[in-house]
PDB file of N, CA and C in Angstrom:
ATOM      1  N   UNK A   1       0.851  -1.181   0.000  1.00  0.00           N
ATOM      2  CA  UNK A   1       0.000   0.000   0.000  1.00  0.00           C
ATOM      3  C   UNK A   1       0.888   1.232   0.000  1.00  0.00           C
ATOM      4  N   UNK A   2       0.474   2.235  -0.741  1.00  0.00           N
ATOM      5  CA  UNK A   2       1.233   3.472  -0.860  1.00  0.00           C
ATOM      6  C   UNK A   2       0.599   4.543   0.029  1.00  0.00           C
ATOM      7  N   UNK A   3       1.372   5.071   0.980  1.00  0.00           N
ATOM      8  CA  UNK A   3       0.849   6.050   1.928  1.00  0.00           C
ATOM      9  C   UNK A   3       1.153   7.489   1.528  1.00  0.00           C
ATOM     10  N   UNK A   4       1.823   7.712   0.416  1.00  0.00           N
ATOM     11  CA  UNK A   4       2.209   9.063   0.039  1.00  0.00           C
ATOM     12  C   UNK A   4       1.315   9.657  -1.047  1.00  0.00           C
ATOM     13  N   UNK A   5       0.223   9.036  -1.357  1.00  0.00           N
ATOM     14  CA  UNK A   5      -0.688   9.558  -2.373  1.00  0.00           C
ATOM     15  C   UNK A   5      -1.467  10.750  -1.840  1.00  0.00           C
ATOM     16  N   UNK A   6      -2.011  11.537  -2.758  1.00  0.00           N
ATOM     17  CA  UNK A   6      -2.877  12.650  -2.369  1.00  0.00           C
ATOM     18  C   UNK A   6      -4.168  12.145  -1.750  1.00  0.00           C
ATOM     19  N   UNK A   7      -4.612  10.972  -2.164  1.00  0.00           N
ATOM     20  CA  UNK A   7      -5.866  10.413  -1.655  1.00  0.00           C
ATOM     21  C   UNK A   7      -5.798  10.105  -0.160  1.00  0.00           C
ATOM     22  N   UNK A   8      -4.617   9.836   0.361  1.00  0.00           N
ATOM     23  CA  UNK A   8      -4.474   9.539   1.788  1.00  0.00           C
ATOM     24  C   UNK A   8      -4.754  10.790   2.613  1.00  0.00           C
ATOM     25  N   UNK A   9      -4.255  11.934   2.199  1.00  0.00           N
ATOM     26  CA  UNK A   9      -4.443  13.181   2.934  1.00  0.00           C
ATOM     27  C   UNK A   9      -5.756  13.872   2.601  1.00  0.00           C
ATOM     28  N   UNK A  10      -6.437  13.428   1.586  1.00  0.00           N
ATOM     29  CA  UNK A  10      -7.692  14.039   1.164  1.00  0.00           C
ATOM     30  C   UNK A  10      -8.805  13.793   2.174  1.00  0.00           C
ATOM     31  N   UNK A  11      -9.843  14.610   2.113  1.00  0.00           N
ATOM     32  CA  UNK A  11     -11.013  14.413   2.969  1.00  0.00           C
ATOM     33  C   UNK A  11     -12.074  13.559   2.284  1.00  0.00           C
ATOM     34  N   UNK A  12     -11.884  13.264   1.016  1.00  0.00           N
ATOM     35  CA  UNK A  12     -12.866  12.516   0.228  1.00  0.00           C
ATOM     36  C   UNK A  12     -12.661  11.021   0.427  1.00  0.00           C
ATOM     37  N   UNK A  13     -13.765  10.291   0.583  1.00  0.00           N
ATOM     38  CA  UNK A  13     -13.727   8.841   0.755  1.00  0.00           C
ATOM     39  C   UNK A  13     -13.857   8.154  -0.600  1.00  0.00           C
ATOM     40  N   UNK A  14     -12.995   7.181  -0.847  1.00  0.00           N
ATOM     41  CA  UNK A  14     -13.076   6.305  -2.015  1.00  0.00           C
ATOM     42  C   UNK A  14     -13.171   4.894  -1.454  1.00  0.00           C
ATOM     43  N   UNK A  15     -14.371   4.381  -1.284  1.00  0.00           N
ATOM     44  CA  UNK A  15     -14.471   3.078  -0.645  1.00  0.00           C
ATOM     45  C   UNK A  15     -15.466   2.173  -1.341  1.00  0.00           C
ATOM     46  N   UNK A  16     -15.178   0.887  -1.217  1.00  0.00           N
ATOM     47  CA  UNK A  16     -16.073  -0.164  -1.662  1.00  0.00           C
ATOM     48  C   UNK A  16     -16.029  -1.232  -0.584  1.00  0.00           C
ATOM     49  N   UNK A  17     -17.195  -1.588  -0.043  1.00  0.00           N
ATOM     50  CA  UNK A  17     -17.216  -2.548   1.056  1.00  0.00           C
ATOM     51  C   UNK A  17     -18.526  -3.315   1.059  1.00  0.00           C
ATOM     52  N   UNK A  18     -18.453  -4.534   1.524  1.00  0.00           N
ATOM     53  CA  UNK A  18     -19.651  -5.350   1.699  1.00  0.00           C
ATOM     54  C   UNK A  18     -20.384  -4.903   2.964  1.00  0.00           C
ATOM     55  N   UNK A  19     -19.642  -4.732   4.062  1.00  0.00           N
ATOM     56  CA  UNK A  19     -20.181  -4.217   5.326  1.00  0.00           C
ATOM     57  C   UNK A  19     -19.222  -3.153   5.831  1.00  0.00           C
ATOM     58  N   UNK A  20     -19.753  -1.971   6.180  1.00  0.00           N
ATOM     59  CA  UNK A  20     -18.935  -0.895   6.731  1.00  0.00           C
ATOM     60  C   UNK A  20     -19.742  -0.230   7.839  1.00  0.00           C
ATOM     61  N   UNK A  21     -19.560  -0.709   9.074  1.00  0.00           N
ATOM     62  CA  UNK A  21     -20.298  -0.175  10.218  1.00  0.00           C
ATOM     63  C   UNK A  21     -19.319   0.413  11.222  1.00  0.00           C
ATOM     64  N   UNK A  22     -19.495   1.709  11.527  1.00  0.00           N
ATOM     65  CA  UNK A  22     -18.697   2.370  12.556  1.00  0.00           C
ATOM     66  C   UNK A  22     -19.671   3.063  13.495  1.00  0.00           C
ATOM     67  N   UNK A  23     -19.573   2.744  14.790  1.00  0.00           N
ATOM     68  CA  UNK A  23     -20.450   3.362  15.774  1.00  0.00           C
ATOM     69  C   UNK A  23     -19.625   4.168  16.763  1.00  0.00           C
ATOM     70  N   UNK A  24     -20.242   5.214  17.312  1.00  0.00           N
ATOM     71  CA  UNK A  24     -19.570   6.106  18.252  1.00  0.00           C
ATOM     72  C   UNK A  24     -20.360   6.128  19.549  1.00  0.00           C
ATOM     73  N   UNK A  25     -19.666   6.003  20.662  1.00  0.00           N
ATOM     74  CA  UNK A  25     -20.293   6.119  21.972  1.00  0.00           C
ATOM     75  C   UNK A  25     -19.779   7.394  22.618  1.00  0.00           C
ATOM     76  N   UNK A  26     -20.678   8.343  22.857  1.00  0.00           N
ATOM     77  CA  UNK A  26     -20.288   9.633  23.396  1.00  0.00           C
ATOM     78  C   UNK A  26     -19.805   9.542  24.833  1.00  0.00           C
ATOM     79  N   UNK A  27     -20.454   8.719  25.636  1.00  0.00           N
ATOM     80  CA  UNK A  27     -20.095   8.623  27.050  1.00  0.00           C
ATOM     81  C   UNK A  27     -18.697   8.043  27.236  1.00  0.00           C
ATOM     82  N   UNK A  28     -18.366   7.005  26.482  1.00  0.00           N
ATOM     83  CA  UNK A  28     -17.053   6.364  26.597  1.00  0.00           C
ATOM     84  C   UNK A  28     -15.987   7.033  25.744  1.00  0.00           C
ATOM     85  N   UNK A  29     -16.402   7.921  24.837  1.00  0.00           N
ATOM     86  CA  UNK A  29     -15.495   8.540  23.866  1.00  0.00           C
ATOM     87  C   UNK A  29     -14.766   7.462  23.080  1.00  0.00           C
ATOM     88  N   UNK A  30     -15.555   6.555  22.502  1.00  0.00           N
ATOM     89  CA  UNK A  30     -14.964   5.444  21.768  1.00  0.00           C
ATOM     90  C   UNK A  30     -15.634   5.265  20.410  1.00  0.00           C
ATOM     91  N   UNK A  31     -14.907   4.652  19.493  1.00  0.00           N
ATOM     92  CA  UNK A  31     -15.375   4.307  18.156  1.00  0.00           C
ATOM     93  C   UNK A  31     -15.145   2.820  17.956  1.00  0.00           C
ATOM     94  N   UNK A  32     -16.180   2.134  17.473  1.00  0.00           N
ATOM     95  CA  UNK A  32     -16.096   0.699  17.249  1.00  0.00           C
ATOM     96  C   UNK A  32     -16.513   0.421  15.813  1.00  0.00           C
ATOM     97  N   UNK A  33     -15.743  -0.418  15.114  1.00  0.00           N
ATOM     98  CA  UNK A  33     -16.045  -0.679  13.724  1.00  0.00           C
ATOM     99  C   UNK A  33     -15.953  -2.141  13.346  1.00  0.00           C
ATOM    100  N   UNK A  34     -16.806  -2.510  12.395  1.00  0.00           N
ATOM    101  CA  UNK A  34     -16.798  -3.854  11.819  1.00  0.00           C
ATOM    102  C   UNK A  34     -16.873  -3.666  10.316  1.00  0.00           C
ATOM    103  N   UNK A  35     -15.856  -4.154   9.610  1.00  0.00           N
ATOM    104  CA  UNK A  35     -15.739  -3.902   8.177  1.00  0.00           C
ATOM    105  C   UNK A  35     -15.403  -5.210   7.467  1.00  0.00           C
ATOM    106  N   UNK A  36     -16.096  -5.459   6.337  1.00  0.00           N
ATOM    107  CA  UNK A  36     -15.844  -6.659   5.548  1.00  0.00           C
ATOM    108  C   UNK A  36     -15.668  -6.289   4.084  1.00  0.00           C
ATOM    109  N   UNK A  37     -14.692  -6.929   3.462  1.00  0.00           N
ATOM    110  CA  UNK A  37     -14.386  -6.759   2.029  1.00  0.00           C
ATOM    111  C   UNK A  37     -14.206  -5.286   1.668  1.00  0.00           C
ATOM    112  N   UNK A  38     -13.371  -4.603   2.439  1.00  0.00           N
ATOM    113  CA  UNK A  38     -13.154  -3.168   2.264  1.00  0.00           C
ATOM    114  C   UNK A  38     -11.948  -2.915   1.356  1.00  0.00           C
ATOM    115  N   UNK A  39     -12.142  -2.035   0.386  1.00  0.00           N
ATOM    116  CA  UNK A  39     -11.070  -1.568  -0.475  1.00  0.00           C
ATOM    117  C   UNK A  39     -11.235  -0.063  -0.630  1.00  0.00           C
ATOM    118  N   UNK A  40     -10.152   0.686  -0.406  1.00  0.00           N
ATOM    119  CA  UNK A  40     -10.197   2.124  -0.606  1.00  0.00           C
ATOM    120  C   UNK A  40      -9.719   2.917   0.591  1.00  0.00           C
ATOM    121  N   UNK A  41     -10.232   4.167   0.678  1.00  0.00           N
ATOM    122  CA  UNK A  41      -9.867   5.119   1.727  1.00  0.00           C
ATOM    123  C   UNK A  41     -11.154   5.612   2.385  1.00  0.00           C
ATOM    124  N   UNK A  42     -11.182   5.682   3.721  1.00  0.00           N
ATOM    125  CA  UNK A  42     -12.384   6.156   4.405  1.00  0.00           C
ATOM    126  C   UNK A  42     -12.017   6.835   5.722  1.00  0.00           C
ATOM    127  N   UNK A  43     -12.687   7.968   5.993  1.00  0.00           N
ATOM    128  CA  UNK A  43     -12.544   8.628   7.286  1.00  0.00           C
ATOM    129  C   UNK A  43     -13.393   7.871   8.297  1.00  0.00           C
ATOM    130  N   UNK A  44     -12.784   7.511   9.418  1.00  0.00           N
ATOM    131  CA  UNK A  44     -13.473   6.734  10.439  1.00  0.00           C
ATOM    132  C   UNK A  44     -13.943   7.628  11.572  1.00  0.00           C
ATOM    133  N   UNK A  45     -13.123   8.614  11.959  1.00  0.00           N
ATOM    134  CA  UNK A  45     -13.467   9.447  13.107  1.00  0.00           C
ATOM    135  C   UNK A  45     -12.786  10.808  12.997  1.00  0.00           C
ATOM    136  N   UNK A  46     -13.366  11.769  13.696  1.00  0.00           N
ATOM    137  CA  UNK A  46     -12.772  13.088  13.858  1.00  0.00           C
ATOM    138  C   UNK A  46     -12.711  13.343  15.361  1.00  0.00           C
ATOM    139  N   UNK A  47     -11.501  13.383  15.901  1.00  0.00           N
ATOM    140  CA  UNK A  47     -11.300  13.498  17.342  1.00  0.00           C
ATOM    141  C   UNK A  47     -10.804  14.884  17.709  1.00  0.00           C
ATOM    142  N   UNK A  48     -11.331  15.420  18.795  1.00  0.00           N
ATOM    143  CA  UNK A  48     -10.797  16.643  19.377  1.00  0.00           C
ATOM    144  C   UNK A  48      -9.771  16.209  20.416  1.00  0.00           C
ATOM    145  N   UNK A  49      -8.513  16.596  20.222  1.00  0.00           N
ATOM    146  CA  UNK A  49      -7.445  16.109  21.083  1.00  0.00           C
ATOM    147  C   UNK A  49      -6.748  17.257  21.805  1.00  0.00           C
ATOM    148  N   UNK A  50      -6.152  16.914  22.919  1.00  0.00           N
ATOM    149  CA  UNK A  50      -5.295  17.818  23.681  1.00  0.00           C
ATOM    150  C   UNK A  50      -3.849  17.550  23.262  1.00  0.00           C
ATOM    151  N   UNK A  51      -2.912  18.304  23.820  1.00  0.00           N
ATOM    152  CA  UNK A  51      -1.500  18.038  23.555  1.00  0.00           C
ATOM    153  C   UNK A  51      -1.137  16.654  24.080  1.00  0.00           C
ATOM    154  N   UNK A  52      -0.471  15.864  23.263  1.00  0.00           N
ATOM    155  CA  UNK A  52      -0.051  14.505  23.604  1.00  0.00           C
ATOM    156  C   UNK A  52      -1.198  13.656  24.147  1.00  0.00           C
ATOM    157  N   UNK A  53      -2.265  13.554  23.365  1.00  0.00           N
ATOM    158  CA  UNK A  53      -3.453  12.770  23.726  1.00  0.00           C
ATOM    159  C   UNK A  53      -3.149  11.275  23.657  1.00  0.00           C
ATOM    160  N   UNK A  54      -3.661  10.518  24.618  1.00  0.00           N
ATOM    161  CA  UNK A  54      -3.498   9.062  24.636  1.00  0.00           C
ATOM    162  C   UNK A  54      -4.735   8.391  24.049  1.00  0.00           C
ATOM    163  N   UNK A  55      -4.500   7.336  23.270  1.00  0.00           N
ATOM    164  CA  UNK A  55      -5.569   6.529  22.687  1.00  0.00           C
ATOM    165  C   UNK A  55      -5.303   5.060  22.983  1.00  0.00           C
ATOM    166  N   UNK A  56      -6.383   4.311  23.215  1.00  0.00           N
ATOM    167  CA  UNK A  56      -6.294   2.862  23.284  1.00  0.00           C
ATOM    168  C   UNK A  56      -6.815   2.332  21.954  1.00  0.00           C
ATOM    169  N   UNK A  57      -6.024   1.514  21.277  1.00  0.00           N
ATOM    170  CA  UNK A  57      -6.402   0.983  19.968  1.00  0.00           C
ATOM    171  C   UNK A  57      -6.352  -0.537  20.005  1.00  0.00           C
ATOM    172  N   UNK A  58      -7.463  -1.147  19.586  1.00  0.00           N
ATOM    173  CA  UNK A  58      -7.547  -2.592  19.400  1.00  0.00           C
ATOM    174  C   UNK A  58      -7.916  -2.797  17.929  1.00  0.00           C
ATOM    175  N   UNK A  59      -6.949  -3.193  17.120  1.00  0.00           N
ATOM    176  CA  UNK A  59      -7.070  -3.269  15.666  1.00  0.00           C
ATOM    177  C   UNK A  59      -6.798  -4.706  15.251  1.00  0.00           C
ATOM    178  N   UNK A  60      -7.825  -5.410  14.737  1.00  0.00           N
ATOM    179  CA  UNK A  60      -7.683  -6.816  14.376  1.00  0.00           C
ATOM    180  C   UNK A  60      -8.027  -7.017  12.909  1.00  0.00           C
ATOM    181  N   UNK A  61      -7.051  -7.428  12.129  1.00  0.00           N
ATOM    182  CA  UNK A  61      -7.238  -7.724  10.708  1.00  0.00           C
ATOM    183  C   UNK A  61      -7.347  -9.234  10.554  1.00  0.00           C
ATOM    184  N   UNK A  62      -8.428  -9.689   9.933  1.00  0.00           N
ATOM    185  CA  UNK A  62      -8.586 -11.124   9.728  1.00  0.00           C
ATOM    186  C   UNK A  62      -8.222 -11.554   8.308  1.00  0.00           C
ATOM    187  N   UNK A  63      -8.249 -10.598   7.361  1.00  0.00           N
ATOM    188  CA  UNK A  63      -7.948 -10.936   5.978  1.00  0.00           C
ATOM    189  C   UNK A  63      -7.497  -9.673   5.253  1.00  0.00           C
ATOM    190  N   UNK A  64      -6.513  -9.761   4.376  1.00  0.00           N
ATOM    191  CA  UNK A  64      -6.090  -8.635   3.562  1.00  0.00           C
ATOM    192  C   UNK A  64      -5.103  -7.719   4.265  1.00  0.00           C
ATOM    193  N   UNK A  65      -4.997  -6.494   3.722  1.00  0.00           N
ATOM    194  CA  UNK A  65      -4.084  -5.487   4.254  1.00  0.00           C
ATOM    195  C   UNK A  65      -4.864  -4.236   4.609  1.00  0.00           C
ATOM    196  N   UNK A  66      -4.506  -3.620   5.741  1.00  0.00           N
ATOM    197  CA  UNK A  66      -5.168  -2.389   6.163  1.00  0.00           C
ATOM    198  C   UNK A  66      -4.217  -1.571   7.019  1.00  0.00           C
ATOM    199  N   UNK A  67      -4.499  -0.262   7.107  1.00  0.00           N
ATOM    200  CA  UNK A  67      -3.719   0.638   7.946  1.00  0.00           C
ATOM    201  C   UNK A  67      -4.638   1.709   8.513  1.00  0.00           C
ATOM    202  N   UNK A  68      -4.365   2.107   9.751  1.00  0.00           N
ATOM    203  CA  UNK A  68      -5.082   3.188  10.409  1.00  0.00           C
ATOM    204  C   UNK A  68      -4.120   4.351  10.536  1.00  0.00           C
ATOM    205  N   UNK A  69      -4.532   5.518  10.020  1.00  0.00           N
ATOM    206  CA  UNK A  69      -3.661   6.686   9.956  1.00  0.00           C
ATOM    207  C   UNK A  69      -4.318   7.862  10.662  1.00  0.00           C
ATOM    208  N   UNK A  70      -3.533   8.622  11.426  1.00  0.00           N
ATOM    209  CA  UNK A  70      -3.998   9.851  12.058  1.00  0.00           C
ATOM    210  C   UNK A  70      -3.455  11.033  11.262  1.00  0.00           C
ATOM    211  N   UNK A  71      -4.334  12.011  10.947  1.00  0.00           N
ATOM    212  CA  UNK A  71      -3.955  13.158  10.119  1.00  0.00           C
ATOM    213  C   UNK A  71      -4.390  14.441  10.815  1.00  0.00           C
ATOM    214  N   UNK A  72      -3.465  15.386  10.932  1.00  0.00           N
ATOM    215  CA  UNK A  72      -3.779  16.732  11.408  1.00  0.00           C
ATOM    216  C   UNK A  72      -3.131  17.688  10.431  1.00  0.00           C
ATOM    217  N   UNK A  73      -3.969  18.467   9.738  1.00  0.00           N
ATOM    218  CA  UNK A  73      -3.547  19.362   8.658  1.00  0.00           C
ATOM    219  C   UNK A  73      -2.772  18.545   7.631  1.00  0.00           C
ATOM    220  N   UNK A  74      -1.473  18.751   7.458  1.00  0.00           N
ATOM    221  CA  UNK A  74      -0.700  17.979   6.480  1.00  0.00           C
ATOM    222  C   UNK A  74       0.248  16.982   7.149  1.00  0.00           C
ATOM    223  N   UNK A  75       0.145  16.821   8.461  1.00  0.00           N
ATOM    224  CA  UNK A  75       0.973  15.854   9.173  1.00  0.00           C
ATOM    225  C   UNK A  75       0.231  14.521   9.235  1.00  0.00           C
ATOM    226  N   UNK A  76       0.993  13.434   9.086  1.00  0.00           N
ATOM    227  CA  UNK A  76       0.389  12.112   9.056  1.00  0.00           C
ATOM    228  C   UNK A  76       1.214  11.156   9.915  1.00  0.00           C
ATOM    229  N   UNK A  77       0.531  10.290  10.677  1.00  0.00           N
ATOM    230  CA  UNK A  77       1.216   9.266  11.468  1.00  0.00           C
ATOM    231  C   UNK A  77       0.461   7.960  11.311  1.00  0.00           C
ATOM    232  N   UNK A  78       1.177   6.904  10.999  1.00  0.00           N
ATOM    233  CA  UNK A  78       0.575   5.578  10.871  1.00  0.00           C
ATOM    234  C   UNK A  78       0.441   4.988  12.277  1.00  0.00           C
ATOM    235  N   UNK A  79      -0.795   4.704  12.682  1.00  0.00           N
ATOM    236  CA  UNK A  79      -1.051   4.158  14.014  1.00  0.00           C
ATOM    237  C   UNK A  79      -0.996   2.637  14.036  1.00  0.00           C
ATOM    238  N   UNK A  80      -1.538   1.991  13.003  1.00  0.00           N
ATOM    239  CA  UNK A  80      -1.559   0.522  12.972  1.00  0.00           C
ATOM    240  C   UNK A  80      -1.549   0.027  11.536  1.00  0.00           C
ATOM    241  N   UNK A  81      -0.722  -1.007  11.290  1.00  0.00           N
ATOM    242  CA  UNK A  81      -0.684  -1.657   9.984  1.00  0.00           C
ATOM    243  C   UNK A  81      -0.939  -3.150  10.090  1.00  0.00           C
ATOM    244  N   UNK A  82      -0.929  -3.659  11.279  1.00  0.00           N
ATOM    245  CA  UNK A  82      -1.152  -5.079  11.521  1.00  0.00           C
ATOM    246  C   UNK A  82      -1.941  -5.212  12.810  1.00  0.00           C
ATOM    247  N   UNK A  83      -2.200  -6.431  13.245  1.00  0.00           N
ATOM    248  CA  UNK A  83      -2.951  -6.632  14.485  1.00  0.00           C
ATOM    249  C   UNK A  83      -2.251  -5.926  15.633  1.00  0.00           C
ATOM    250  N   UNK A  84      -3.036  -5.148  16.398  1.00  0.00           N
ATOM    251  CA  UNK A  84      -2.436  -4.300  17.420  1.00  0.00           C
ATOM    252  C   UNK A  84      -3.423  -4.108  18.563  1.00  0.00           C
ATOM    253  N   UNK A  85      -2.907  -4.128  19.781  1.00  0.00           N
ATOM    254  CA  UNK A  85      -3.715  -3.818  20.954  1.00  0.00           C
ATOM    255  C   UNK A  85      -2.811  -3.126  21.957  1.00  0.00           C
ATOM    256  N   UNK A  86      -2.848  -1.771  21.979  1.00  0.00           N
ATOM    257  CA  UNK A  86      -2.004  -1.047  22.918  1.00  0.00           C
ATOM    258  C   UNK A  86      -2.433   0.411  23.040  1.00  0.00           C
ATOM    259  N   UNK A  87      -1.795   1.111  23.967  1.00  0.00           N
ATOM    260  CA  UNK A  87      -2.008   2.543  24.161  1.00  0.00           C
ATOM    261  C   UNK A  87      -0.992   3.298  23.310  1.00  0.00           C
ATOM    262  N   UNK A  88      -1.471   4.354  22.634  1.00  0.00           N
ATOM    263  CA  UNK A  88      -0.621   5.162  21.760  1.00  0.00           C
ATOM    264  C   UNK A  88      -0.781   6.623  22.147  1.00  0.00           C
ATOM    265  N   UNK A  89       0.318   7.359  22.147  1.00  0.00           N
ATOM    266  CA  UNK A  89       0.287   8.795  22.379  1.00  0.00           C
ATOM    267  C   UNK A  89       0.410   9.498  21.032  1.00  0.00           C
ATOM    268  N   UNK A  90      -0.560  10.350  20.711  1.00  0.00           N
ATOM    269  CA  UNK A  90      -0.527  11.088  19.445  1.00  0.00           C
ATOM    270  C   UNK A  90       0.430  12.269  19.560  1.00  0.00           C
ATOM    271  N   UNK A  91       1.336  12.449  18.606  1.00  0.00           N
ATOM    272  CA  UNK A  91       2.316  13.534  18.685  1.00  0.00           C
ATOM    273  C   UNK A  91       1.814  14.836  18.044  1.00  0.00           C
ATOM    274  N   UNK A  92       0.533  15.113  18.175  1.00  0.00           N
ATOM    275  CA  UNK A  92      -0.039  16.286  17.534  1.00  0.00           C
ATOM    276  C   UNK A  92      -0.342  17.373  18.553  1.00  0.00           C
ATOM    277  N   UNK A  93      -0.530  18.589  18.047  1.00  0.00           N
ATOM    278  CA  UNK A  93      -0.895  19.723  18.889  1.00  0.00           C
ATOM    279  C   UNK A  93      -2.389  19.669  19.199  1.00  0.00           C
ATOM    280  N   UNK A  94      -2.818  20.548  20.073  1.00  0.00           N
ATOM    281  CA  UNK A  94      -4.229  20.641  20.437  1.00  0.00           C
ATOM    282  C   UNK A  94      -5.036  21.010  19.198  1.00  0.00           C
ATOM    283  N   UNK A  95      -6.159  20.343  19.001  1.00  0.00           N
ATOM    284  CA  UNK A  95      -7.005  20.597  17.838  1.00  0.00           C
ATOM    285  C   UNK A  95      -7.754  19.336  17.430  1.00  0.00           C
ATOM    286  N   UNK A  96      -8.044  19.251  16.138  1.00  0.00           N
ATOM    287  CA  UNK A  96      -8.796  18.113  15.612  1.00  0.00           C
ATOM    288  C   UNK A  96      -7.874  17.199  14.813  1.00  0.00           C
ATOM    289  N   UNK A  97      -8.103  15.897  14.968  1.00  0.00           N
ATOM    290  CA  UNK A  97      -7.336  14.870  14.260  1.00  0.00           C
ATOM    291  C   UNK A  97      -8.323  13.937  13.567  1.00  0.00           C
ATOM    292  N   UNK A  98      -8.077  13.663  12.289  1.00  0.00           N
ATOM    293  CA  UNK A  98      -8.898  12.707  11.535  1.00  0.00           C
ATOM    294  C   UNK A  98      -8.237  11.337  11.581  1.00  0.00           C
ATOM    295  N   UNK A  99      -9.028  10.324  11.808  1.00  0.00           N
ATOM    296  CA  UNK A  99      -8.545   8.956  11.715  1.00  0.00           C
ATOM    297  C   UNK A  99      -9.051   8.385  10.405  1.00  0.00           C
ATOM    298  N   UNK A 100      -8.136   7.924   9.578  1.00  0.00           N
ATOM    299  CA  UNK A 100      -8.454   7.473   8.230  1.00  0.00           C
ATOM    300  C   UNK A 100      -8.010   6.027   8.069  1.00  0.00           C
ATOM    301  N   UNK A 101      -8.855   5.230   7.442  1.00  0.00           N
ATOM    302  CA  UNK A 101      -8.604   3.816   7.232  1.00  0.00           C
ATOM    303  C   UNK A 101      -8.300   3.576   5.764  1.00  0.00           C
ATOM    304  N   UNK A 102      -7.259   2.790   5.514  1.00  0.00           N
ATOM    305  CA  UNK A 102      -6.860   2.427   4.160  1.00  0.00           C
ATOM    306  C   UNK A 102      -6.821   0.910   4.096  1.00  0.00           C
ATOM    307  N   UNK A 103      -7.386   0.332   3.032  1.00  0.00           N
ATOM    308  CA  UNK A 103      -7.388  -1.121   2.945  1.00  0.00           C
ATOM    309  C   UNK A 103      -7.487  -1.648   1.537  1.00  0.00           C
ATOM    310  N   UNK A 104      -7.075  -2.906   1.386  1.00  0.00           N
ATOM    311  CA  UNK A 104      -7.178  -3.623   0.119  1.00  0.00           C
ATOM    312  C   UNK A 104      -7.743  -5.012   0.399  1.00  0.00           C
ATOM    313  N   UNK A 105      -9.002  -5.235   0.031  1.00  0.00           N
ATOM    314  CA  UNK A 105      -9.682  -6.525   0.222  1.00  0.00           C
ATOM    315  C   UNK A 105      -9.484  -7.053   1.646  1.00  0.00           C
ATOM    316  N   UNK A 106      -9.884  -6.251   2.604  1.00  0.00           N
ATOM    317  CA  UNK A 106      -9.634  -6.585   3.998  1.00  0.00           C
ATOM    318  C   UNK A 106     -10.908  -6.760   4.809  1.00  0.00           C
ATOM    319  N   UNK A 107     -10.832  -7.609   5.809  1.00  0.00           N
ATOM    320  CA  UNK A 107     -11.867  -7.778   6.823  1.00  0.00           C
ATOM    321  C   UNK A 107     -11.215  -7.395   8.147  1.00  0.00           C
ATOM    322  N   UNK A 108     -11.861  -6.522   8.913  1.00  0.00           N
ATOM    323  CA  UNK A 108     -11.253  -6.100  10.169  1.00  0.00           C
ATOM    324  C   UNK A 108     -12.294  -5.634  11.166  1.00  0.00           C
ATOM    325  N   UNK A 109     -11.880  -5.613  12.436  1.00  0.00           N
ATOM    326  CA  UNK A 109     -12.641  -5.062  13.548  1.00  0.00           C
ATOM    327  C   UNK A 109     -11.703  -4.134  14.301  1.00  0.00           C
ATOM    328  N   UNK A 110     -12.234  -3.033  14.833  1.00  0.00           N
ATOM    329  CA  UNK A 110     -11.381  -2.138  15.604  1.00  0.00           C
ATOM    330  C   UNK A 110     -12.167  -1.459  16.709  1.00  0.00           C
ATOM    331  N   UNK A 111     -11.418  -1.010  17.715  1.00  0.00           N
ATOM    332  CA  UNK A 111     -11.941  -0.213  18.824  1.00  0.00           C
ATOM    333  C   UNK A 111     -10.920   0.864  19.119  1.00  0.00           C
ATOM    334  N   UNK A 112     -11.365   2.126  19.100  1.00  0.00           N
ATOM    335  CA  UNK A 112     -10.506   3.259  19.402  1.00  0.00           C
ATOM    336  C   UNK A 112     -11.161   4.023  20.544  1.00  0.00           C
ATOM    337  N   UNK A 113     -10.382   4.258  21.601  1.00  0.00           N
ATOM    338  CA  UNK A 113     -10.937   4.893  22.790  1.00  0.00           C
ATOM    339  C   UNK A 113      -9.972   5.960  23.305  1.00  0.00           C
ATOM    340  N   UNK A 114     -10.514   7.165  23.576  1.00  0.00           N
ATOM    341  CA  UNK A 114      -9.697   8.221  24.166  1.00  0.00           C
ATOM    342  C   UNK A 114      -9.480   7.920  25.639  1.00  0.00           C
ATOM    343  N   UNK A 115      -8.242   8.098  26.098  1.00  0.00           N
ATOM    344  CA  UNK A 115      -7.903   7.830  27.503  1.00  0.00           C
ATOM    345  C   UNK A 115      -7.535   9.133  28.177  1.00  0.00           C
TER     346      UNK A 115
END
């Protein structure tokens, strides 16, 4: 997968999927997703973050290739490219961060929670 394309930093979604469900829980400040046969680029969440915000990420890929990327303005950080379950500190300034999913014929489940 190529992460340096304009489509990665774009706000426009280019996706094709059999199932694409992402739910948000306001009380827990969490995002949960179940995706099947996903190909393309899609925005999953828009988070309001503080300086050095911590996130808990549980990212499980069952088939194919996928990556979870955090974007603030023109800065980009790859959060997960394979199965992952850990706490991550975002190296961004205070403001809004987009979480973008990239995949090629992938099935995956994820949970993202602000800590």
